[in-house]
Amino acid sequence: MTGERVSNEMKTPADAAARKASGADAPLRTSVKIRLADGSDADCLAGVLLAREAHGRTIFRDIPFSDDKARAIFDKATGQRDRFGLIYAVPGVDEPLAEDGLLGFASVQAGEHFLGTGTLIATEQTLNISQNLSGTLLGGKVALRPVQAVRQLAKERGCAHLLVHVTNGENAEDADRFFRRCGMVTVGGNYSDLSAEF
């Protein structure tokens, strides 16, 4: 998983303006590297920033985002690698990660079934892609790479099953299409009573 790179066209207004200003006709390209979060302050800040952005695009955006909880998840994922993984999609350059440079990430946990013992189940708890990549070819590729890395991590940890939770409440149909294209099937679902007042 470490060092994996893919080069894809990145089409953003800034890229188009840069191409036009330079007179270049060829599309700009960026390479993407998939790696585990390394535990550095830079990785933590970038992860918290993207998690906050992603939280603002869910049905839970009315619940205040907690930097402290996000940092605790980061610390657990980087400190207990036998059971947790925080997979980052970063620009493929050999430079420290800028705070806003994280392209996407997936968080995965390996644990036992709540009623079973002796068998690990990998659960992808979140998959977040930078909003700047939404709707682009690169965004699709960036989303796919962490999913592939989660599969690899689950295999390396000896997990018998891999589950993916999608609970953001937004674009559920798009998420369903994406995960089906990744070869997954539904084995249940998450339901929310949005009409009830609690």
Protein backbone atom coordinates (compact mmCIF):
# COMPACT_ATOMS: atom_id res chain seq x y z
CA MET A 1 0.00 0.00 0.00
CA THR A 2 2.83 2.43 0.79
CA GLY A 3 4.16 4.25 -2.23
CA GLU A 4 1.29 3.40 -4.57
CA ARG A 5 0.90 6.13 -7.16
CA VAL A 6 -1.63 6.94 -9.84
CA SER A 7 -1.54 9.88 -12.23
CA ASN A 8 -4.84 11.40 -13.30
CA GLU A 9 -6.12 14.58 -14.82
CA MET A 10 -7.05 17.21 -12.25
CA LYS A 11 -9.64 19.62 -13.58
CA THR A 12 -10.34 22.56 -11.30
CA PRO A 13 -10.91 26.23 -12.12
CA ALA A 14 -7.43 27.05 -10.78
CA ASP A 15 -5.87 24.37 -12.99
CA ALA A 16 -7.71 25.63 -16.05
CA ALA A 17 -6.60 29.20 -15.34
CA ALA A 18 -3.00 28.06 -14.86
CA ARG A 19 -3.05 26.16 -18.17
CA LYS A 20 -4.55 29.14 -19.96
CA ALA A 21 -2.04 31.58 -18.44
CA SER A 22 0.91 29.36 -19.33
CA GLY A 23 -0.39 28.65 -22.81
CA ALA A 24 -0.14 24.91 -22.20
CA ASP A 25 -2.65 22.75 -24.03
CA ALA A 26 -1.85 19.55 -22.15
CA PRO A 27 -3.93 18.81 -19.03
CA LEU A 28 -2.27 19.19 -15.66
CA ARG A 29 -1.66 15.91 -13.88
CA THR A 30 -1.15 15.04 -10.28
CA SER A 31 0.03 11.79 -8.79
CA VAL A 32 -1.66 10.25 -5.78
CA LYS A 33 0.11 8.21 -3.13
CA ILE A 34 -1.72 5.91 -0.71
CA ARG A 35 -0.16 5.50 2.73
CA LEU A 36 -1.02 5.03 6.38
CA ALA A 37 -1.21 8.20 8.46
CA ASP A 38 2.20 8.55 10.06
CA GLY A 39 1.31 10.06 13.43
CA SER A 40 2.90 13.44 12.70
CA ASP A 41 1.31 16.75 13.66
CA ALA A 42 1.01 17.62 9.95
CA ASP A 43 -0.90 14.39 9.25
CA CYS A 44 -3.15 14.97 12.26
CA LEU A 45 -3.98 18.56 11.27
CA ALA A 46 -4.72 17.55 7.67
CA GLY A 47 -6.94 14.68 8.83
CA VAL A 48 -8.89 16.83 11.28
CA LEU A 49 -9.40 19.51 8.62
CA LEU A 50 -10.78 17.03 6.07
CA ALA A 51 -12.91 15.31 8.72
CA ARG A 52 -14.42 18.69 9.69
CA GLU A 53 -15.13 19.49 6.04
CA ALA A 54 -16.74 16.09 5.47
CA HIS A 55 -18.82 16.39 8.67
CA GLY A 56 -20.30 19.61 7.28
CA ARG A 57 -21.67 17.65 4.30
CA THR A 58 -23.62 15.09 6.34
CA ILE A 59 -27.06 15.04 7.92
CA PHE A 60 -25.21 15.32 11.24
CA ARG A 61 -23.82 18.79 10.43
CA ASP A 62 -26.12 20.27 13.13
CA ILE A 63 -24.04 18.40 15.74
CA PRO A 64 -20.92 20.44 16.64
CA PHE A 65 -17.72 18.91 15.29
CA SER A 66 -15.18 17.97 17.99
CA ASP A 67 -11.50 18.50 17.15
CA ASP A 68 -10.64 16.63 20.36
CA LYS A 69 -12.60 13.53 19.32
CA ALA A 70 -11.10 13.64 15.81
CA ARG A 71 -7.59 13.87 17.31
CA ALA A 72 -8.35 10.95 19.66
CA ILE A 73 -9.42 8.81 16.67
CA PHE A 74 -6.23 9.82 14.85
CA ASP A 75 -4.10 8.92 17.89
CA LYS A 76 -5.78 5.52 18.24
CA ALA A 77 -5.43 4.75 14.52
CA THR A 78 -1.74 5.64 14.46
CA GLY A 79 -0.93 4.13 17.85
CA GLN A 80 -2.71 0.76 17.57
CA ARG A 81 -1.90 -0.33 14.03
CA ASP A 82 -2.74 -3.98 14.74
CA ARG A 83 -6.45 -3.07 15.01
CA PHE A 84 -6.83 0.35 13.38
CA GLY A 85 -5.81 1.98 10.15
CA LEU A 86 -6.09 5.50 8.82
CA ILE A 87 -5.37 5.35 5.11
CA TYR A 88 -4.43 8.64 3.45
CA ALA A 89 -4.57 9.63 -0.21
CA VAL A 90 -1.94 12.35 -0.54
CA PRO A 91 -0.31 14.22 -3.41
CA GLY A 92 2.53 12.07 -4.71
CA VAL A 93 5.35 14.44 -3.81
CA ASP A 94 8.12 14.00 -1.29
CA GLU A 95 7.18 16.99 0.84
CA PRO A 96 5.51 17.32 4.25
CA LEU A 97 1.72 17.19 3.97
CA ALA A 98 0.18 20.66 3.91
CA GLU A 99 -2.77 21.17 6.25
CA ASP A 100 -5.15 21.41 3.26
CA GLY A 101 -3.23 18.91 1.10
CA LEU A 102 -5.02 15.69 2.05
CA LEU A 103 -7.00 14.39 -0.94
CA GLY A 104 -8.97 11.78 0.98
CA PHE A 105 -8.85 9.20 3.73
CA ALA A 106 -10.47 6.00 4.95
CA SER A 107 -10.65 4.82 8.54
CA VAL A 108 -10.80 1.08 9.23
CA GLN A 109 -11.01 -0.99 12.41
CA ALA A 110 -10.44 -4.72 12.87
CA GLY A 111 -12.39 -6.28 15.71
CA GLU A 112 -14.44 -9.30 16.70
CA HIS A 113 -18.14 -9.69 16.00
CA PHE A 114 -20.08 -8.38 18.99
CA LEU A 115 -21.41 -11.89 19.75
CA GLY A 116 -18.56 -13.94 18.30
CA THR A 117 -14.99 -14.70 19.17
CA GLY A 118 -11.79 -15.70 17.42
CA THR A 119 -12.51 -14.09 14.06
CA LEU A 120 -11.73 -10.55 13.03
CA ILE A 121 -14.04 -8.37 10.97
CA ALA A 122 -12.69 -5.24 9.26
CA THR A 123 -15.07 -2.29 9.29
CA GLU A 124 -14.50 0.76 7.13
CA GLN A 125 -15.97 3.45 9.31
CA THR A 126 -15.49 6.42 7.03
CA LEU A 127 -14.35 7.33 3.54
CA ASN A 128 -13.88 11.04 2.93
CA ILE A 129 -12.72 12.81 -0.22
CA SER A 130 -11.80 16.49 -0.42
CA GLN A 131 -14.75 18.58 -1.57
CA ASN A 132 -12.44 20.18 -4.16
CA LEU A 133 -12.35 16.81 -5.97
CA SER A 134 -16.10 16.21 -5.90
CA GLY A 135 -17.42 15.29 -9.33
CA THR A 136 -13.98 15.02 -10.96
CA LEU A 137 -12.27 12.01 -12.51
CA LEU A 138 -9.47 12.38 -9.97
CA GLY A 139 -12.04 12.39 -7.15
CA GLY A 140 -13.34 9.01 -8.29
CA LYS A 141 -9.83 7.59 -8.46
CA VAL A 142 -8.97 9.05 -5.05
CA ALA A 143 -12.09 7.40 -3.58
CA LEU A 144 -11.25 4.04 -5.13
CA ARG A 145 -7.64 3.84 -3.93
CA PRO A 146 -8.38 3.90 -0.15
CA VAL A 147 -11.07 1.23 -0.64
CA GLN A 148 -8.49 -0.99 -2.32
CA ALA A 149 -6.04 -0.24 0.50
CA VAL A 150 -8.70 -1.12 3.12
CA ARG A 151 -9.13 -4.49 1.43
CA GLN A 152 -5.37 -5.04 1.56
CA LEU A 153 -5.17 -4.01 5.21
CA ALA A 154 -8.06 -6.34 6.11
CA LYS A 155 -6.27 -9.20 4.35
CA GLU A 156 -2.98 -8.42 6.12
CA ARG A 157 -4.76 -8.40 9.51
CA GLY A 158 -6.36 -11.80 8.79
CA CYS A 159 -9.94 -10.48 8.75
CA ALA A 160 -12.63 -12.90 7.57
CA HIS A 161 -15.07 -10.16 6.53
CA LEU A 162 -15.01 -6.53 5.40
CA LEU A 163 -17.95 -4.24 6.13
CA VAL A 164 -18.45 -0.66 4.99
CA HIS A 165 -20.71 1.74 6.85
CA VAL A 166 -22.31 4.61 4.95
CA THR A 167 -24.18 6.87 7.37
CA ASN A 168 -23.72 10.42 6.12
CA GLY A 169 -27.34 10.58 4.97
CA GLU A 170 -26.41 12.48 1.81
CA ASN A 171 -26.10 11.04 -1.71
CA ALA A 172 -26.90 7.51 -0.54
CA GLU A 173 -27.64 6.44 -4.12
CA ASP A 174 -24.21 7.64 -5.31
CA ALA A 175 -22.51 5.82 -2.44
CA ASP A 176 -24.47 2.65 -3.25
CA ARG A 177 -23.43 2.80 -6.92
CA PHE A 178 -19.79 3.41 -5.97
CA PHE A 179 -19.53 0.49 -3.54
CA ARG A 180 -21.37 -1.84 -5.90
CA ARG A 181 -18.83 -0.92 -8.60
CA CYS A 182 -16.17 -1.88 -6.06
CA GLY A 183 -17.73 -5.38 -5.99
CA MET A 184 -19.64 -5.03 -2.73
CA VAL A 185 -23.24 -5.98 -1.96
CA THR A 186 -25.64 -4.81 0.71
CA VAL A 187 -26.04 -7.01 3.78
CA GLY A 188 -28.34 -4.72 5.71
CA GLY A 189 -28.66 -1.01 6.13
CA ASN A 190 -28.75 1.99 8.39
CA TYR A 191 -32.07 3.68 9.01
CA SER A 192 -32.86 6.98 10.67
CA ASP A 193 -36.20 8.27 11.87
CA LEU A 194 -35.91 11.82 10.55
CA SER A 195 -39.56 12.59 11.27
CA ALA A 196 -39.32 11.95 15.00
CA GLU A 197 -38.49 14.62 17.56
CA PHE A 198 -36.37 13.31 20.40
